[in-house]
Amino acid sequence: MTAVPPRKQYPPARPRQEPTAMPRLALYALAVCALAVIAAVVSFVQGSFLGVVWLLLAGLSSNMAWYYLRRAKARRAADGVSAAG
Protein backbone atom coordinates (compact mmCIF):
# COMPACT_ATOMS: atom_id res chain seq x y z
CA MET A 1 0.00 0.00 0.00
CA THR A 2 1.34 3.43 -0.94
CA ALA A 3 0.87 6.59 1.03
CA VAL A 4 -1.36 9.27 -0.46
CA PRO A 5 0.42 12.63 -0.71
CA PRO A 6 -1.26 15.45 1.21
CA ARG A 7 -3.47 17.84 -0.74
CA LYS A 8 -1.95 21.12 -1.75
CA GLN A 9 -3.41 24.04 0.18
CA TYR A 10 -4.34 27.05 -1.91
CA PRO A 11 -4.93 30.52 -0.52
CA PRO A 12 -8.61 31.51 -0.28
CA ALA A 13 -10.03 33.10 -3.42
CA ARG A 14 -10.42 36.85 -3.30
CA PRO A 15 -13.50 38.45 -4.80
CA ARG A 16 -12.64 40.25 -8.02
CA GLN A 17 -13.67 43.74 -9.02
CA GLU A 18 -15.11 42.91 -12.41
CA PRO A 19 -15.94 45.85 -14.65
CA THR A 20 -19.64 46.28 -15.12
CA ALA A 21 -20.86 45.03 -18.44
CA MET A 22 -22.42 47.48 -20.83
CA PRO A 23 -26.02 46.68 -21.65
CA ARG A 24 -26.33 44.76 -24.88
CA LEU A 25 -28.90 47.10 -26.43
CA ALA A 26 -26.63 50.08 -25.78
CA LEU A 27 -23.79 48.32 -27.58
CA TYR A 28 -26.00 47.56 -30.56
CA ALA A 29 -27.23 51.16 -30.70
CA LEU A 30 -23.66 52.41 -30.50
CA ALA A 31 -22.64 50.13 -33.37
CA VAL A 32 -25.59 51.34 -35.48
CA CYS A 33 -24.60 54.93 -34.70
CA ALA A 34 -21.02 54.40 -35.84
CA LEU A 35 -22.11 52.63 -39.02
CA ALA A 36 -24.66 55.36 -39.79
CA VAL A 37 -22.00 58.06 -39.42
CA ILE A 38 -19.71 56.16 -41.77
CA ALA A 39 -22.56 55.74 -44.27
CA ALA A 40 -23.35 59.46 -44.03
CA VAL A 41 -19.75 60.42 -44.75
CA VAL A 42 -19.60 58.06 -47.73
CA SER A 43 -22.91 59.43 -49.06
CA PHE A 44 -21.79 63.04 -48.78
CA VAL A 45 -18.43 62.27 -50.38
CA GLN A 46 -20.26 60.70 -53.32
CA GLY A 47 -22.39 63.84 -53.63
CA SER A 48 -25.65 62.29 -52.43
CA PHE A 49 -27.96 64.06 -50.04
CA LEU A 50 -29.10 60.68 -48.75
CA GLY A 51 -26.46 61.26 -46.07
CA VAL A 52 -29.01 63.45 -44.27
CA VAL A 53 -31.10 60.34 -43.60
CA TRP A 54 -28.01 58.55 -42.28
CA LEU A 55 -27.27 61.48 -39.98
CA LEU A 56 -30.81 61.37 -38.61
CA LEU A 57 -30.41 57.63 -37.99
CA ALA A 58 -27.07 58.28 -36.24
CA GLY A 59 -28.74 60.85 -33.98
CA LEU A 60 -31.58 58.50 -33.12
CA SER A 61 -29.28 55.57 -32.36
CA SER A 62 -26.96 57.70 -30.22
CA ASN A 63 -29.95 58.81 -28.16
CA MET A 64 -31.00 55.18 -27.78
CA ALA A 65 -27.51 54.21 -26.60
CA TRP A 66 -27.54 57.06 -24.08
CA TYR A 67 -30.99 56.03 -22.84
CA TYR A 68 -30.06 52.38 -22.35
CA LEU A 69 -26.84 53.29 -20.54
CA ARG A 70 -28.65 55.67 -18.19
CA ARG A 71 -31.39 53.10 -17.55
CA ALA A 72 -28.82 50.43 -16.66
CA LYS A 73 -27.00 52.86 -14.36
CA ALA A 74 -30.26 53.73 -12.60
CA ARG A 75 -31.12 50.05 -12.16
CA ARG A 76 -27.69 49.30 -10.69
CA ALA A 77 -28.09 52.21 -8.28
CA ALA A 78 -31.55 51.01 -7.30
CA ASP A 79 -30.28 47.46 -6.77
CA GLY A 80 -27.43 48.78 -4.62
CA VAL A 81 -29.80 50.79 -2.45
CA SER A 82 -32.23 47.91 -2.03
CA ALA A 83 -29.42 45.45 -1.23
CA ALA A 84 -27.90 47.79 1.35
CA GLY A 85 -31.24 48.62 2.97
C-alpha atoms as a PDB file:
ATOM      1  CA  MET A   1       0.000   0.000   0.000  1.00  0.00           C
ATOM      2  CA  THR A   2       1.338   3.426  -0.938  1.00  0.00           C
ATOM      3  CA  ALA A   3       0.875   6.590   1.034  1.00  0.00           C
ATOM      4  CA  VAL A   4      -1.364   9.267  -0.463  1.00  0.00           C
ATOM      5  CA  PRO A   5       0.417  12.626  -0.709  1.00  0.00           C
ATOM      6  CA  PRO A   6      -1.257  15.454   1.212  1.00  0.00           C
ATOM      7  CA  ARG A   7      -3.468  17.839  -0.741  1.00  0.00           C
ATOM      8  CA  LYS A   8      -1.952  21.118  -1.746  1.00  0.00           C
ATOM      9  CA  GLN A   9      -3.410  24.045   0.179  1.00  0.00           C
ATOM     10  CA  TYR A  10      -4.339  27.052  -1.913  1.00  0.00           C
ATOM     11  CA  PRO A  11      -4.931  30.525  -0.523  1.00  0.00           C
ATOM     12  CA  PRO A  12      -8.610  31.514  -0.283  1.00  0.00           C
ATOM     13  CA  ALA A  13     -10.030  33.102  -3.417  1.00  0.00           C
ATOM     14  CA  ARG A  14     -10.423  36.855  -3.302  1.00  0.00           C
ATOM     15  CA  PRO A  15     -13.495  38.452  -4.802  1.00  0.00           C
ATOM     16  CA  ARG A  16     -12.636  40.251  -8.018  1.00  0.00           C
ATOM     17  CA  GLN A  17     -13.668  43.736  -9.019  1.00  0.00           C
ATOM     18  CA  GLU A  18     -15.106  42.911 -12.405  1.00  0.00           C
ATOM     19  CA  PRO A  19     -15.944  45.848 -14.653  1.00  0.00           C
ATOM     20  CA  THR A  20     -19.643  46.279 -15.115  1.00  0.00           C
ATOM     21  CA  ALA A  21     -20.865  45.030 -18.443  1.00  0.00           C
ATOM     22  CA  MET A  22     -22.416  47.476 -20.833  1.00  0.00           C
ATOM     23  CA  PRO A  23     -26.023  46.675 -21.649  1.00  0.00           C
ATOM     24  CA  ARG A  24     -26.329  44.759 -24.877  1.00  0.00           C
ATOM     25  CA  LEU A  25     -28.898  47.101 -26.432  1.00  0.00           C
ATOM     26  CA  ALA A  26     -26.633  50.075 -25.778  1.00  0.00           C
ATOM     27  CA  LEU A  27     -23.786  48.319 -27.583  1.00  0.00           C
ATOM     28  CA  TYR A  28     -26.005  47.557 -30.558  1.00  0.00           C
ATOM     29  CA  ALA A  29     -27.234  51.158 -30.698  1.00  0.00           C
ATOM     30  CA  LEU A  30     -23.656  52.413 -30.500  1.00  0.00           C
ATOM     31  CA  ALA A  31     -22.642  50.128 -33.373  1.00  0.00           C
ATOM     32  CA  VAL A  32     -25.586  51.344 -35.476  1.00  0.00           C
ATOM     33  CA  CYS A  33     -24.597  54.930 -34.696  1.00  0.00           C
ATOM     34  CA  ALA A  34     -21.020  54.398 -35.839  1.00  0.00           C
ATOM     35  CA  LEU A  35     -22.110  52.634 -39.022  1.00  0.00           C
ATOM     36  CA  ALA A  36     -24.662  55.357 -39.788  1.00  0.00           C
ATOM     37  CA  VAL A  37     -22.004  58.057 -39.418  1.00  0.00           C
ATOM     38  CA  ILE A  38     -19.705  56.160 -41.772  1.00  0.00           C
ATOM     39  CA  ALA A  39     -22.560  55.741 -44.273  1.00  0.00           C
ATOM     40  CA  ALA A  40     -23.349  59.463 -44.034  1.00  0.00           C
ATOM     41  CA  VAL A  41     -19.747  60.415 -44.747  1.00  0.00           C
ATOM     42  CA  VAL A  42     -19.604  58.056 -47.728  1.00  0.00           C
ATOM     43  CA  SER A  43     -22.909  59.432 -49.059  1.00  0.00           C
ATOM     44  CA  PHE A  44     -21.788  63.041 -48.783  1.00  0.00           C
ATOM     45  CA  VAL A  45     -18.426  62.268 -50.376  1.00  0.00           C
ATOM     46  CA  GLN A  46     -20.257  60.702 -53.324  1.00  0.00           C
ATOM     47  CA  GLY A  47     -22.389  63.835 -53.630  1.00  0.00           C
ATOM     48  CA  SER A  48     -25.654  62.288 -52.433  1.00  0.00           C
ATOM     49  CA  PHE A  49     -27.961  64.063 -50.045  1.00  0.00           C
ATOM     50  CA  LEU A  50     -29.102  60.679 -48.749  1.00  0.00           C
ATOM     51  CA  GLY A  51     -26.460  61.263 -46.065  1.00  0.00           C
ATOM     52  CA  VAL A  52     -29.014  63.447 -44.274  1.00  0.00           C
ATOM     53  CA  VAL A  53     -31.097  60.342 -43.595  1.00  0.00           C
ATOM     54  CA  TRP A  54     -28.010  58.554 -42.284  1.00  0.00           C
ATOM     55  CA  LEU A  55     -27.265  61.485 -39.975  1.00  0.00           C
ATOM     56  CA  LEU A  56     -30.813  61.367 -38.606  1.00  0.00           C
ATOM     57  CA  LEU A  57     -30.405  57.626 -37.985  1.00  0.00           C
ATOM     58  CA  ALA A  58     -27.074  58.281 -36.239  1.00  0.00           C
ATOM     59  CA  GLY A  59     -28.735  60.848 -33.976  1.00  0.00           C
ATOM     60  CA  LEU A  60     -31.583  58.496 -33.120  1.00  0.00           C
ATOM     61  CA  SER A  61     -29.284  55.568 -32.357  1.00  0.00           C
ATOM     62  CA  SER A  62     -26.957  57.704 -30.216  1.00  0.00           C
ATOM     63  CA  ASN A  63     -29.949  58.814 -28.162  1.00  0.00           C
ATOM     64  CA  MET A  64     -31.001  55.180 -27.783  1.00  0.00           C
ATOM     65  CA  ALA A  65     -27.510  54.209 -26.604  1.00  0.00           C
ATOM     66  CA  TRP A  66     -27.539  57.063 -24.076  1.00  0.00           C
ATOM     67  CA  TYR A  67     -30.994  56.034 -22.840  1.00  0.00           C
ATOM     68  CA  TYR A  68     -30.063  52.377 -22.348  1.00  0.00           C
ATOM     69  CA  LEU A  69     -26.840  53.288 -20.541  1.00  0.00           C
ATOM     70  CA  ARG A  70     -28.655  55.671 -18.188  1.00  0.00           C
ATOM     71  CA  ARG A  71     -31.389  53.102 -17.547  1.00  0.00           C
ATOM     72  CA  ALA A  72     -28.818  50.431 -16.665  1.00  0.00           C
ATOM     73  CA  LYS A  73     -27.002  52.861 -14.361  1.00  0.00           C
ATOM     74  CA  ALA A  74     -30.261  53.734 -12.596  1.00  0.00           C
ATOM     75  CA  ARG A  75     -31.117  50.054 -12.161  1.00  0.00           C
ATOM     76  CA  ARG A  76     -27.688  49.295 -10.691  1.00  0.00           C
ATOM     77  CA  ALA A  77     -28.085  52.208  -8.280  1.00  0.00           C
ATOM     78  CA  ALA A  78     -31.555  51.007  -7.299  1.00  0.00           C
ATOM     79  CA  ASP A  79     -30.283  47.459  -6.769  1.00  0.00           C
ATOM     80  CA  GLY A  80     -27.430  48.782  -4.625  1.00  0.00           C
ATOM     81  CA  VAL A  81     -29.804  50.795  -2.450  1.00  0.00           C
ATOM     82  CA  SER A  82     -32.230  47.908  -2.027  1.00  0.00           C
ATOM     83  CA  ALA A  83     -29.418  45.449  -1.234  1.00  0.00           C
ATOM     84  CA  ALA A  84     -27.895  47.789   1.350  1.00  0.00           C
ATOM     85  CA  GLY A  85     -31.242  48.617   2.969  1.00  0.00           C
END
